[in-house]
Amino acid sequence: MVSSTSVLLMFVIGLIISTLIIYVVTKLFGETESITTAFLAALIGTVIYTLVYYLIGQGLIAAIIAGIVWLLALQYLYKIGWVKSLLIAIIIGVAASIVGWFLPTIMGPL
């Protein structure tokens, strides 16, 4: 059984890592917003995906709906268009996947 402390710790670590990935990727695309904006994007993304998965359930349709809503959030936070937000989201997804491959082995069991 996983304790609530472990869940909270994993959430905070995930949020920090997501914030850093979003910050770096948006900087690579020339965005000038601060790390606070990246934190908001990570937090909003987490809330969006959690709500959509709770309301619709897991699956491709839920992922597509949540992804579109998150693209809207990126557009609003960074004042960018659809294409740029989609490219940024794809790079963020790839970077997060790569980090996810290594993170469990770095942290070890909680």
C-alpha atoms as a PDB file:
ATOM      1  CA  MET A   1       0.000   0.000   0.000  1.00  0.00           C
ATOM      2  CA  VAL A   2       1.239   3.468  -0.914  1.00  0.00           C
ATOM      3  CA  SER A   3       1.060   6.068   1.835  1.00  0.00           C
ATOM      4  CA  SER A   4      -0.457   9.500   1.281  1.00  0.00           C
ATOM      5  CA  THR A   5       2.947  11.009   2.038  1.00  0.00           C
ATOM      6  CA  SER A   6       4.479   9.033  -0.827  1.00  0.00           C
ATOM      7  CA  VAL A   7       1.699  10.091  -3.186  1.00  0.00           C
ATOM      8  CA  LEU A   8       2.140  13.745  -2.213  1.00  0.00           C
ATOM      9  CA  LEU A   9       5.913  13.504  -2.618  1.00  0.00           C
ATOM     10  CA  MET A  10       5.557  11.905  -6.072  1.00  0.00           C
ATOM     11  CA  PHE A  11       3.075  14.628  -7.070  1.00  0.00           C
ATOM     12  CA  VAL A  12       5.406  17.446  -5.961  1.00  0.00           C
ATOM     13  CA  ILE A  13       8.439  15.881  -7.652  1.00  0.00           C
ATOM     14  CA  GLY A  14       6.416  15.319 -10.828  1.00  0.00           C
ATOM     15  CA  LEU A  15       5.192  18.911 -10.776  1.00  0.00           C
ATOM     16  CA  ILE A  16       8.730  20.254 -10.340  1.00  0.00           C
ATOM     17  CA  ILE A  17      10.076  18.104 -13.163  1.00  0.00           C
ATOM     18  CA  SER A  18       7.159  19.035 -15.445  1.00  0.00           C
ATOM     19  CA  THR A  19       7.703  22.715 -14.672  1.00  0.00           C
ATOM     20  CA  LEU A  20      11.383  22.485 -15.574  1.00  0.00           C
ATOM     21  CA  ILE A  21      10.665  20.607 -18.817  1.00  0.00           C
ATOM     22  CA  ILE A  22       7.994  23.115 -19.866  1.00  0.00           C
ATOM     23  CA  TYR A  23      10.283  26.035 -18.979  1.00  0.00           C
ATOM     24  CA  VAL A  24      13.211  24.694 -21.008  1.00  0.00           C
ATOM     25  CA  VAL A  25      11.097  23.717 -24.028  1.00  0.00           C
ATOM     26  CA  THR A  26       9.299  27.063 -24.172  1.00  0.00           C
ATOM     27  CA  LYS A  27      12.648  28.868 -23.917  1.00  0.00           C
ATOM     28  CA  LEU A  28      13.877  26.813 -26.891  1.00  0.00           C
ATOM     29  CA  PHE A  29      10.864  28.163 -28.818  1.00  0.00           C
ATOM     30  CA  GLY A  30      11.774  31.749 -27.878  1.00  0.00           C
ATOM     31  CA  GLU A  31       9.142  32.378 -25.235  1.00  0.00           C
ATOM     32  CA  THR A  32      10.087  34.949 -22.596  1.00  0.00           C
ATOM     33  CA  GLU A  33       7.664  34.072 -19.792  1.00  0.00           C
ATOM     34  CA  SER A  34       9.048  33.177 -16.371  1.00  0.00           C
ATOM     35  CA  ILE A  35       9.246  29.834 -14.646  1.00  0.00           C
ATOM     36  CA  THR A  36       6.028  30.831 -12.856  1.00  0.00           C
ATOM     37  CA  THR A  37       4.186  30.524 -16.168  1.00  0.00           C
ATOM     38  CA  ALA A  38       5.742  27.093 -16.697  1.00  0.00           C
ATOM     39  CA  PHE A  39       4.605  26.095 -13.199  1.00  0.00           C
ATOM     40  CA  LEU A  40       1.067  27.261 -13.976  1.00  0.00           C
ATOM     41  CA  ALA A  41       1.124  25.312 -17.256  1.00  0.00           C
ATOM     42  CA  ALA A  42       2.240  22.167 -15.413  1.00  0.00           C
ATOM     43  CA  LEU A  43      -0.344  22.606 -12.671  1.00  0.00           C
ATOM     44  CA  ILE A  44      -3.174  23.402 -15.097  1.00  0.00           C
ATOM     45  CA  GLY A  45      -2.168  20.420 -17.252  1.00  0.00           C
ATOM     46  CA  THR A  46      -2.313  18.125 -14.235  1.00  0.00           C
ATOM     47  CA  VAL A  47      -5.733  19.438 -13.219  1.00  0.00           C
ATOM     48  CA  ILE A  48      -7.082  19.162 -16.781  1.00  0.00           C
ATOM     49  CA  TYR A  49      -5.927  15.573 -17.256  1.00  0.00           C
ATOM     50  CA  THR A  50      -7.129  14.551 -13.799  1.00  0.00           C
ATOM     51  CA  LEU A  51     -10.592  16.043 -14.335  1.00  0.00           C
ATOM     52  CA  VAL A  52     -11.032  14.626 -17.828  1.00  0.00           C
ATOM     53  CA  TYR A  53      -9.886  11.147 -16.769  1.00  0.00           C
ATOM     54  CA  TYR A  54     -12.195  11.327 -13.754  1.00  0.00           C
ATOM     55  CA  LEU A  55     -15.205  12.416 -15.839  1.00  0.00           C
ATOM     56  CA  ILE A  56     -14.640  10.328 -18.974  1.00  0.00           C
ATOM     57  CA  GLY A  57     -12.308   7.568 -17.862  1.00  0.00           C
ATOM     58  CA  GLN A  58      -8.985   6.555 -19.308  1.00  0.00           C
ATOM     59  CA  GLY A  59      -8.565   6.018 -22.999  1.00  0.00           C
ATOM     60  CA  LEU A  60      -7.761   7.665 -26.282  1.00  0.00           C
ATOM     61  CA  ILE A  61     -10.811   9.938 -26.357  1.00  0.00           C
ATOM     62  CA  ALA A  62     -10.078  11.264 -22.864  1.00  0.00           C
ATOM     63  CA  ALA A  63      -6.429  11.851 -23.799  1.00  0.00           C
ATOM     64  CA  ILE A  64      -7.421  13.737 -26.960  1.00  0.00           C
ATOM     65  CA  ILE A  65      -9.946  15.923 -25.128  1.00  0.00           C
ATOM     66  CA  ALA A  66      -7.504  16.670 -22.297  1.00  0.00           C
ATOM     67  CA  GLY A  67      -4.740  17.363 -24.820  1.00  0.00           C
ATOM     68  CA  ILE A  68      -6.858  19.880 -26.724  1.00  0.00           C
ATOM     69  CA  VAL A  69      -7.859  21.651 -23.515  1.00  0.00           C
ATOM     70  CA  TRP A  70      -4.204  21.764 -22.434  1.00  0.00           C
ATOM     71  CA  LEU A  71      -3.253  23.246 -25.826  1.00  0.00           C
ATOM     72  CA  LEU A  72      -5.813  25.982 -25.167  1.00  0.00           C
ATOM     73  CA  ALA A  73      -4.205  26.591 -21.773  1.00  0.00           C
ATOM     74  CA  LEU A  74      -0.741  26.821 -23.366  1.00  0.00           C
ATOM     75  CA  GLN A  75      -2.089  29.261 -25.948  1.00  0.00           C
ATOM     76  CA  TYR A  76      -3.573  31.445 -23.247  1.00  0.00           C
ATOM     77  CA  LEU A  77      -0.554  31.356 -20.909  1.00  0.00           C
ATOM     78  CA  TYR A  78       2.073  31.929 -23.596  1.00  0.00           C
ATOM     79  CA  LYS A  79       0.009  34.000 -26.073  1.00  0.00           C
ATOM     80  CA  ILE A  80       0.806  31.625 -28.954  1.00  0.00           C
ATOM     81  CA  GLY A  81      -1.120  29.977 -31.787  1.00  0.00           C
ATOM     82  CA  TRP A  82      -2.292  26.414 -32.368  1.00  0.00           C
ATOM     83  CA  VAL A  83       0.710  25.234 -34.349  1.00  0.00           C
ATOM     84  CA  LYS A  84       3.288  26.556 -31.898  1.00  0.00           C
ATOM     85  CA  SER A  85       1.384  25.212 -28.896  1.00  0.00           C
ATOM     86  CA  LEU A  86       1.118  21.810 -30.600  1.00  0.00           C
ATOM     87  CA  LEU A  87       4.853  21.733 -31.383  1.00  0.00           C
ATOM     88  CA  ILE A  88       5.702  22.763 -27.827  1.00  0.00           C
ATOM     89  CA  ALA A  89       3.346  20.111 -26.415  1.00  0.00           C
ATOM     90  CA  ILE A  90       4.894  17.398 -28.607  1.00  0.00           C
ATOM     91  CA  ILE A  91       8.428  18.300 -27.510  1.00  0.00           C
ATOM     92  CA  ILE A  92       7.288  18.462 -23.876  1.00  0.00           C
ATOM     93  CA  GLY A  93       5.729  15.011 -24.239  1.00  0.00           C
ATOM     94  CA  VAL A  94       8.893  13.542 -25.750  1.00  0.00           C
ATOM     95  CA  ALA A  95      11.095  15.137 -23.086  1.00  0.00           C
ATOM     96  CA  ALA A  96       8.781  13.977 -20.283  1.00  0.00           C
ATOM     97  CA  SER A  97       8.825  10.430 -21.680  1.00  0.00           C
ATOM     98  CA  ILE A  98      12.615  10.400 -21.791  1.00  0.00           C
ATOM     99  CA  VAL A  99      12.840  11.704 -18.223  1.00  0.00           C
ATOM    100  CA  GLY A 100      10.215   9.144 -17.169  1.00  0.00           C
ATOM    101  CA  TRP A 101      12.407   6.304 -18.437  1.00  0.00           C
ATOM    102  CA  PHE A 102      15.247   7.352 -16.158  1.00  0.00           C
ATOM    103  CA  LEU A 103      13.485   8.841 -13.162  1.00  0.00           C
ATOM    104  CA  PRO A 104      12.254   5.606 -11.533  1.00  0.00           C
ATOM    105  CA  THR A 105      15.766   4.173 -11.570  1.00  0.00           C
ATOM    106  CA  ILE A 106      17.288   7.379 -10.234  1.00  0.00           C
ATOM    107  CA  MET A 107      14.851   7.780  -7.337  1.00  0.00           C
ATOM    108  CA  GLY A 108      14.548   4.160  -6.332  1.00  0.00           C
ATOM    109  CA  PRO A 109      11.587   2.920  -4.361  1.00  0.00           C
ATOM    110  CA  LEU A 110       9.793   5.475  -2.218  1.00  0.00           C
END
